[in-house]
N, C-alpha and C. Protein backbone atom coordinates (compact mmCIF):
# COMPACT_ATOMS: atom_id res chain seq x y z
N MET A 1 -10.82 -16.57 7.27
CA MET A 1 -9.86 -15.96 6.10
C MET A 1 -10.40 -16.79 4.86
N GLY A 2 -11.16 -15.96 3.65
CA GLY A 2 -11.25 -16.65 2.71
C GLY A 2 -10.22 -16.88 1.38
N LYS A 3 -10.41 -17.70 0.65
CA LYS A 3 -9.23 -18.17 -0.08
C LYS A 3 -8.84 -16.84 -0.87
N VAL A 4 -7.71 -16.42 -1.03
CA VAL A 4 -6.96 -15.49 -2.05
C VAL A 4 -6.20 -16.17 -3.33
N SER A 5 -6.10 -15.42 -4.29
CA SER A 5 -5.43 -15.63 -5.19
C SER A 5 -4.18 -14.72 -5.37
N VAL A 6 -2.94 -15.13 -6.00
CA VAL A 6 -1.83 -14.05 -6.92
C VAL A 6 -2.44 -13.07 -7.48
N PHE A 7 -3.63 -13.34 -7.90
CA PHE A 7 -4.30 -12.46 -8.91
C PHE A 7 -5.20 -11.31 -7.94
N ASP A 8 -5.17 -11.58 -6.84
CA ASP A 8 -5.57 -10.40 -5.74
C ASP A 8 -4.64 -9.63 -5.24
N CYS A 9 -3.29 -9.87 -5.52
CA CYS A 9 -2.33 -8.85 -5.38
C CYS A 9 -2.21 -7.66 -6.61
N SER A 10 -2.56 -6.32 -6.36
CA SER A 10 -2.61 -5.75 -7.06
C SER A 10 -1.29 -4.46 -7.09
N LEU A 11 -1.12 -3.83 -8.18
CA LEU A 11 0.15 -3.08 -8.63
C LEU A 11 -0.90 -1.73 -8.25
N ILE A 12 -0.64 -0.80 -7.85
CA ILE A 12 -0.97 0.63 -7.15
C ILE A 12 -0.19 1.50 -7.85
N THR A 13 -0.65 2.22 -9.02
CA THR A 13 0.22 3.67 -9.16
C THR A 13 -0.32 4.93 -8.24
N LEU A 14 0.97 5.20 -7.37
CA LEU A 14 0.60 6.01 -6.39
C LEU A 14 0.62 7.52 -7.29
N PRO A 15 0.36 8.47 -6.57
CA PRO A 15 0.31 9.90 -7.16
C PRO A 15 1.97 10.52 -7.01
N GLN A 16 1.94 11.03 -8.23
CA GLN A 16 3.26 11.36 -8.70
C GLN A 16 3.10 12.87 -8.82
N ILE A 17 3.76 14.09 -8.34
CA ILE A 17 3.40 15.49 -8.53
C ILE A 17 5.24 15.61 -8.87
N GLY A 18 5.70 16.27 -10.08
CA GLY A 18 7.06 16.66 -10.31
C GLY A 18 6.87 17.62 -11.75
N ASP A 19 8.12 17.90 -11.90
CA ASP A 19 8.63 18.71 -12.82
C ASP A 19 10.19 18.29 -13.08
N ARG A 20 10.70 19.37 -14.01
CA ARG A 20 12.18 18.74 -14.06
C ARG A 20 13.07 19.28 -13.07
N GLN A 21 12.47 19.59 -11.96
CA GLN A 21 13.25 19.41 -10.75
C GLN A 21 13.16 18.69 -9.64
N GLY A 22 12.41 17.62 -10.01
CA GLY A 22 12.27 16.65 -9.28
C GLY A 22 10.53 16.04 -9.05
N HIS A 23 10.39 14.83 -8.18
CA HIS A 23 9.42 14.36 -7.96
C HIS A 23 9.51 14.17 -6.45
N ILE A 24 7.26 14.42 -6.05
CA ILE A 24 7.01 13.77 -4.92
C ILE A 24 5.94 12.83 -4.85
N THR A 25 6.03 11.73 -3.83
CA THR A 25 4.83 10.95 -4.04
C THR A 25 4.34 10.72 -2.79
N ALA A 26 3.21 11.24 -2.30
CA ALA A 26 2.83 11.17 -1.20
C ALA A 26 1.63 10.19 -1.16
N ILE A 27 1.76 9.38 0.14
CA ILE A 27 0.77 8.47 0.37
C ILE A 27 -0.37 8.31 1.58
N ASN A 28 -1.29 8.70 1.34
CA ASN A 28 -2.39 9.16 2.99
C ASN A 28 -3.16 7.82 3.33
N ASN A 29 -2.54 7.71 4.48
CA ASN A 29 -3.56 6.78 5.16
C ASN A 29 -4.56 6.18 4.70
N ALA A 30 -4.98 4.93 4.15
CA ALA A 30 -6.15 4.29 3.80
C ALA A 30 -6.86 5.17 2.85
N GLU A 31 -5.89 5.74 1.80
CA GLU A 31 -6.51 6.29 0.67
C GLU A 31 -6.26 6.05 -1.11
N GLU A 32 -4.83 6.25 -0.79
CA GLU A 32 -4.21 5.26 -2.32
C GLU A 32 -3.93 4.06 -1.75
N ILE A 33 -3.96 3.31 -0.65
CA ILE A 33 -3.92 2.01 -0.31
C ILE A 33 -5.07 1.50 0.22
N PRO A 34 -5.21 0.26 0.15
CA PRO A 34 -6.82 -0.14 0.83
C PRO A 34 -6.84 -0.82 2.36
N PHE A 35 -5.83 -0.19 2.78
CA PHE A 35 -5.88 -0.23 4.49
C PHE A 35 -4.81 0.86 5.08
N GLU A 36 -5.33 0.70 6.44
CA GLU A 36 -4.73 1.70 7.31
C GLU A 36 -3.22 1.28 7.97
N VAL A 37 -2.03 2.08 7.65
CA VAL A 37 -0.92 1.69 7.58
C VAL A 37 -0.60 1.86 9.49
N LYS A 38 0.24 0.83 9.82
CA LYS A 38 0.17 0.79 11.41
C LYS A 38 1.54 0.52 11.56
N ARG A 39 2.33 0.30 10.55
CA ARG A 39 3.84 -0.40 10.58
C ARG A 39 4.43 0.23 9.27
N ILE A 40 5.69 0.87 9.28
CA ILE A 40 6.65 1.05 7.95
C ILE A 40 7.69 0.55 8.45
N PHE A 41 8.29 -0.16 7.55
CA PHE A 41 10.15 -0.68 7.59
C PHE A 41 10.40 -0.33 6.15
N TYR A 42 11.94 -0.46 6.41
CA TYR A 42 12.70 -0.89 5.00
C TYR A 42 13.60 -1.95 4.77
N LEU A 43 14.02 -2.17 3.47
CA LEU A 43 14.68 -3.22 3.65
C LEU A 43 15.83 -2.51 2.82
N TYR A 44 17.29 -2.61 3.18
CA TYR A 44 18.48 -1.99 2.31
C TYR A 44 19.70 -3.04 2.66
N ASP A 45 20.86 -2.67 2.20
CA ASP A 45 22.00 -3.35 1.84
C ASP A 45 21.83 -4.57 1.33
N ILE A 46 20.93 -4.68 0.37
CA ILE A 46 20.75 -6.43 0.02
C ILE A 46 21.64 -6.36 -0.90
N PRO A 47 22.78 -7.39 -0.80
CA PRO A 47 23.43 -7.63 -2.16
C PRO A 47 22.70 -8.00 -3.12
N ALA A 48 23.32 -7.48 -4.27
CA ALA A 48 22.79 -7.84 -5.72
C ALA A 48 22.25 -8.99 -5.97
N GLY A 49 21.17 -9.27 -6.46
CA GLY A 49 20.97 -10.77 -6.53
C GLY A 49 20.16 -11.71 -5.73
N GLU A 50 20.15 -11.04 -4.65
CA GLU A 50 19.87 -11.91 -3.43
C GLU A 50 18.28 -11.83 -3.00
N SER A 51 18.03 -12.57 -1.98
CA SER A 51 16.40 -12.96 -1.83
C SER A 51 16.29 -12.02 -0.61
N ARG A 52 14.76 -12.17 0.09
CA ARG A 52 14.44 -11.85 1.23
C ARG A 52 12.94 -12.24 1.19
N GLY A 53 12.38 -12.17 2.45
CA GLY A 53 10.91 -12.33 2.44
C GLY A 53 10.89 -14.08 2.98
N ALA A 54 10.10 -14.85 1.84
CA ALA A 54 9.99 -15.95 1.84
C ALA A 54 8.81 -16.23 3.29
N HIS A 55 7.54 -15.74 3.30
CA HIS A 55 6.74 -15.85 3.99
C HIS A 55 5.39 -15.29 3.91
N ALA A 56 4.47 -15.92 4.46
CA ALA A 56 3.11 -15.40 4.35
C ALA A 56 2.71 -14.70 6.11
N HIS A 57 1.74 -13.79 5.64
CA HIS A 57 0.46 -13.50 6.83
C HIS A 57 -0.61 -13.92 6.96
N LYS A 58 -0.69 -14.05 8.20
CA LYS A 58 -2.46 -14.66 8.28
C LYS A 58 -3.32 -13.16 8.27
N GLU A 59 -2.97 -12.20 8.80
CA GLU A 59 -3.97 -11.20 8.80
C GLU A 59 -3.30 -9.81 8.39
N CYS A 60 -2.04 -9.51 8.25
CA CYS A 60 -1.35 -8.48 7.68
C CYS A 60 -1.55 -8.19 6.27
N HIS A 61 -1.74 -7.10 5.76
CA HIS A 61 -1.52 -6.31 4.61
C HIS A 61 -0.10 -6.26 4.42
N GLN A 62 0.31 -5.99 2.86
CA GLN A 62 1.70 -4.92 3.00
C GLN A 62 1.49 -4.28 1.61
N LEU A 63 2.22 -3.22 1.68
CA LEU A 63 2.50 -2.74 0.02
C LEU A 63 4.12 -2.53 0.58
N LEU A 64 4.75 -3.30 -0.77
CA LEU A 64 5.97 -2.96 -0.96
C LEU A 64 6.33 -1.73 -2.18
N VAL A 65 7.32 -0.92 -1.90
CA VAL A 65 7.54 -0.11 -2.84
C VAL A 65 9.00 0.25 -3.29
N ALA A 66 9.38 -0.01 -4.34
CA ALA A 66 10.90 -0.16 -4.60
C ALA A 66 11.21 1.54 -4.51
N VAL A 67 11.78 2.02 -3.67
CA VAL A 67 11.80 3.46 -3.49
C VAL A 67 13.26 3.63 -4.27
N THR A 68 14.32 2.99 -4.23
CA THR A 68 15.26 2.90 -5.32
C THR A 68 15.66 1.74 -5.77
N GLY A 69 16.15 1.52 -7.14
CA GLY A 69 16.50 0.34 -7.48
C GLY A 69 15.33 -0.52 -7.93
N GLY A 70 15.41 -1.87 -7.63
CA GLY A 70 14.08 -2.88 -8.11
C GLY A 70 14.62 -3.99 -7.70
N PHE A 71 13.27 -4.76 -8.09
CA PHE A 71 13.44 -6.04 -7.53
C PHE A 71 12.11 -7.25 -8.01
N GLU A 72 11.93 -8.52 -7.86
CA GLU A 72 11.01 -8.99 -8.33
C GLU A 72 10.32 -9.63 -6.92
N VAL A 73 8.69 -9.68 -7.07
CA VAL A 73 8.20 -10.47 -5.92
C VAL A 73 7.52 -11.97 -6.45
N LEU A 74 7.99 -12.46 -6.01
CA LEU A 74 7.44 -14.28 -6.42
C LEU A 74 6.05 -14.14 -5.48
N LEU A 75 5.15 -14.01 -5.83
CA LEU A 75 3.98 -14.29 -5.37
C LEU A 75 3.35 -15.80 -5.36
N ASP A 76 2.71 -16.78 -4.65
CA ASP A 76 2.06 -17.95 -4.46
C ASP A 76 1.08 -18.16 -3.66
N ASP A 77 -0.25 -18.57 -4.14
CA ASP A 77 -0.97 -18.81 -3.41
C ASP A 77 -1.35 -20.65 -3.25
N GLY A 78 -0.32 -21.31 -3.34
CA GLY A 78 -0.42 -22.19 -2.96
C GLY A 78 -0.82 -23.27 -4.53
N HIS A 79 -1.37 -22.92 -5.22
CA HIS A 79 -1.69 -23.64 -6.32
C HIS A 79 -1.11 -22.58 -7.82
N VAL A 80 -1.15 -21.01 -7.72
CA VAL A 80 -0.46 -20.61 -8.80
C VAL A 80 0.48 -19.58 -8.32
N GLN A 81 1.67 -19.50 -8.90
CA GLN A 81 2.67 -18.62 -8.92
C GLN A 81 2.74 -17.61 -9.94
N ARG A 82 3.27 -16.38 -9.52
CA ARG A 82 3.28 -14.91 -10.29
C ARG A 82 4.26 -14.29 -9.84
N VAL A 83 5.09 -13.78 -10.80
CA VAL A 83 6.41 -12.87 -10.61
C VAL A 83 6.00 -11.49 -10.96
N VAL A 84 6.03 -10.64 -10.07
CA VAL A 84 5.44 -9.20 -10.25
C VAL A 84 7.11 -8.23 -10.00
N GLN A 85 7.13 -7.55 -11.13
CA GLN A 85 8.89 -6.64 -11.12
C GLN A 85 8.34 -5.09 -10.58
N ILE A 86 8.90 -4.71 -9.50
CA ILE A 86 8.66 -3.39 -9.14
C ILE A 86 10.18 -2.51 -9.13
N ASN A 87 9.89 -1.35 -9.71
CA ASN A 87 11.06 -0.64 -9.98
C ASN A 87 10.73 0.71 -10.34
N ARG A 88 9.69 1.08 -9.82
CA ARG A 88 9.69 2.53 -10.11
C ARG A 88 9.08 3.18 -8.50
N PRO A 89 9.33 4.04 -7.90
CA PRO A 89 8.97 4.66 -6.71
C PRO A 89 7.35 5.29 -6.81
N ASN A 90 6.91 5.36 -7.55
CA ASN A 90 5.64 5.96 -7.73
C ASN A 90 4.72 4.42 -8.17
N GLN A 91 5.15 3.46 -7.58
CA GLN A 91 4.48 1.95 -8.00
C GLN A 91 4.70 1.32 -6.81
N ALA A 92 3.71 0.62 -6.47
CA ALA A 92 3.41 -0.42 -5.28
C ALA A 92 2.74 -1.78 -5.49
N LEU A 93 3.24 -2.62 -4.65
CA LEU A 93 2.58 -3.54 -4.66
C LEU A 93 1.87 -4.07 -3.47
N HIS A 94 0.57 -4.14 -3.69
CA HIS A 94 -0.33 -4.60 -2.65
C HIS A 94 -0.25 -6.27 -2.35
N ILE A 95 -0.05 -6.75 -1.29
CA ILE A 95 0.13 -8.19 -1.06
C ILE A 95 -1.16 -8.46 -0.01
N PRO A 96 -2.46 -9.00 0.07
CA PRO A 96 -3.23 -9.05 0.91
C PRO A 96 -3.02 -10.46 1.72
N PRO A 97 -3.24 -10.45 3.02
CA PRO A 97 -2.99 -11.68 3.61
C PRO A 97 -3.57 -12.82 3.17
N GLY A 98 -2.67 -14.07 3.14
CA GLY A 98 -2.89 -15.23 2.95
C GLY A 98 -1.89 -15.57 1.64
N ILE A 99 -0.92 -14.74 1.41
CA ILE A 99 -0.29 -15.23 -0.05
C ILE A 99 1.30 -15.09 0.47
N TRP A 100 1.89 -16.20 -0.21
CA TRP A 100 3.01 -16.42 -0.05
C TRP A 100 4.24 -15.45 -0.86
N ALA A 101 4.97 -14.73 -0.18
CA ALA A 101 6.00 -13.85 -1.02
C ALA A 101 7.34 -13.73 -0.56
N SER A 102 7.88 -13.69 -1.64
CA SER A 102 9.40 -13.50 -1.45
C SER A 102 10.05 -12.51 -2.17
N GLU A 103 10.78 -11.70 -1.92
CA GLU A 103 11.42 -10.55 -2.64
C GLU A 103 12.51 -11.18 -3.01
N MET A 104 13.26 -10.85 -4.43
CA MET A 104 14.22 -11.64 -5.00
C MET A 104 14.70 -10.67 -6.27
N ASN A 105 16.09 -11.11 -6.60
CA ASN A 105 16.51 -10.39 -7.50
C ASN A 105 16.91 -9.08 -7.36
N PHE A 106 17.10 -8.54 -6.12
CA PHE A 106 17.24 -7.58 -5.74
C PHE A 106 18.78 -6.27 -6.38
N ALA A 107 18.52 -5.29 -7.23
CA ALA A 107 19.28 -4.61 -7.92
C ALA A 107 20.19 -3.99 -6.83
N GLY A 108 21.64 -3.96 -7.03
CA GLY A 108 22.23 -3.71 -5.99
C GLY A 108 21.95 -2.07 -5.63
N GLY A 109 22.19 -1.76 -4.45
CA GLY A 109 21.72 -0.31 -3.82
C GLY A 109 20.36 -0.38 -3.90
N SER A 110 19.08 -1.18 -3.96
CA SER A 110 17.88 -1.10 -4.01
C SER A 110 17.41 -0.74 -2.45
N ILE A 111 16.37 -0.44 -2.22
CA ILE A 111 15.71 -0.10 -1.13
C ILE A 111 14.12 -0.57 -1.20
N CYS A 112 13.61 -1.36 -0.42
CA CYS A 112 12.43 -1.73 -0.48
C CYS A 112 11.82 -1.33 0.77
N LEU A 113 10.64 -0.23 0.57
CA LEU A 113 9.91 0.37 1.50
C LEU A 113 8.83 -0.64 1.50
N VAL A 114 8.27 -0.75 3.11
CA VAL A 114 6.97 -2.05 3.57
C VAL A 114 6.05 -0.90 4.25
N LEU A 115 4.78 -0.81 3.77
CA LEU A 115 3.58 -0.28 4.64
C LEU A 115 2.82 -1.54 5.07
N ALA A 116 2.50 -1.63 6.33
CA ALA A 116 1.75 -2.63 6.72
C ALA A 116 0.88 -2.38 7.59
N SER A 117 -0.27 -3.08 7.35
CA SER A 117 -1.65 -2.95 8.41
C SER A 117 -1.43 -3.22 9.52
N HIS A 118 -0.64 -3.76 9.67
CA HIS A 118 -0.61 -4.40 11.09
C HIS A 118 0.64 -4.26 12.23
N THR A 119 1.19 -4.02 13.38
CA THR A 119 2.19 -3.94 14.12
C THR A 119 2.85 -5.50 14.04
N TYR A 120 3.91 -5.50 14.09
CA TYR A 120 4.62 -6.77 14.36
C TYR A 120 4.39 -7.89 15.29
N ALA A 121 4.00 -9.12 14.84
CA ALA A 121 3.76 -9.84 15.51
C ALA A 121 3.99 -11.47 15.02
N GLU A 122 4.89 -11.96 15.69
CA GLU A 122 5.50 -13.17 15.32
C GLU A 122 4.08 -14.03 15.12
N SER A 123 3.41 -14.14 15.69
CA SER A 123 2.23 -15.25 15.53
C SER A 123 1.08 -14.99 14.21
N ASP A 124 1.48 -14.09 13.47
CA ASP A 124 1.01 -13.79 12.43
C ASP A 124 1.71 -14.25 11.22
N TYR A 125 3.07 -14.46 11.13
CA TYR A 125 3.72 -15.20 10.04
C TYR A 125 3.82 -16.48 9.95
N LEU A 126 3.30 -16.90 8.65
CA LEU A 126 3.74 -18.39 8.16
C LEU A 126 5.32 -18.29 7.78
N ARG A 127 6.42 -18.77 8.17
CA ARG A 127 7.56 -19.06 7.81
C ARG A 127 7.88 -20.30 7.18
N SER A 128 7.21 -21.07 7.37
CA SER A 128 7.37 -22.39 6.51
C SER A 128 6.27 -22.60 5.73
N TYR A 129 6.71 -23.22 3.96
CA TYR A 129 5.79 -23.36 3.58
C TYR A 129 5.27 -24.45 3.38
N ASP A 130 5.44 -25.69 4.04
CA ASP A 130 4.63 -26.71 4.59
C ASP A 130 3.82 -26.38 5.61
N ASP A 131 4.04 -25.25 6.23
CA ASP A 131 2.99 -24.60 7.49
C ASP A 131 1.96 -23.72 6.71
N TYR A 132 2.38 -23.09 5.72
CA TYR A 132 1.57 -22.16 5.10
C TYR A 132 0.62 -23.00 4.31
N LEU A 133 0.79 -24.05 3.45
CA LEU A 133 0.04 -25.05 2.89
C LEU A 133 -0.72 -25.82 3.70
N GLN A 134 -0.48 -26.56 5.06
CA GLN A 134 -1.61 -26.45 5.76
C GLN A 134 -2.64 -25.54 5.90
N TYR A 135 -2.14 -24.24 6.07
CA TYR A 135 -2.96 -23.04 6.52
C TYR A 135 -4.08 -22.69 5.63
N ILE A 136 -3.98 -23.11 4.28
CA ILE A 136 -4.46 -22.20 3.47
C ILE A 136 -5.59 -23.37 3.29
N SER A 137 -5.09 -24.54 3.32
CA SER A 137 -5.96 -25.79 3.11
C SER A 137 -7.04 -26.32 4.13
N ALA A 138 -6.77 -25.29 5.31
CA ALA A 138 -7.68 -25.57 6.82
C ALA A 138 -8.98 -24.91 6.53
């Protein structure tokens, strides 16, 4: 894995079609996002102000969407930290592998949709920040 930076994480504006009757946003596999989706999950019923995540992936890319509500994502590459606010359902945050990410400060009622490039594999996770720092320095 090459060195990645928090600045390799990007906000993507997803296509939105709509009028006064409402909107629709469609995400086509590997078109609007820079990877093929193999897993989809979502976080919900998170108490206001709480945090989730706090881990990194070795191979998996993730795309986070605030389907409703909003939250912040603390991105960390071991040298630089960056906080990104996500609060629009047609905006997504791409997090490449090798970035420590923590979702935090959830607004009440928020739903976070996650599209992932890999199916679940515990071996892909770095759950300890010390292990993460060792991994990226190797």
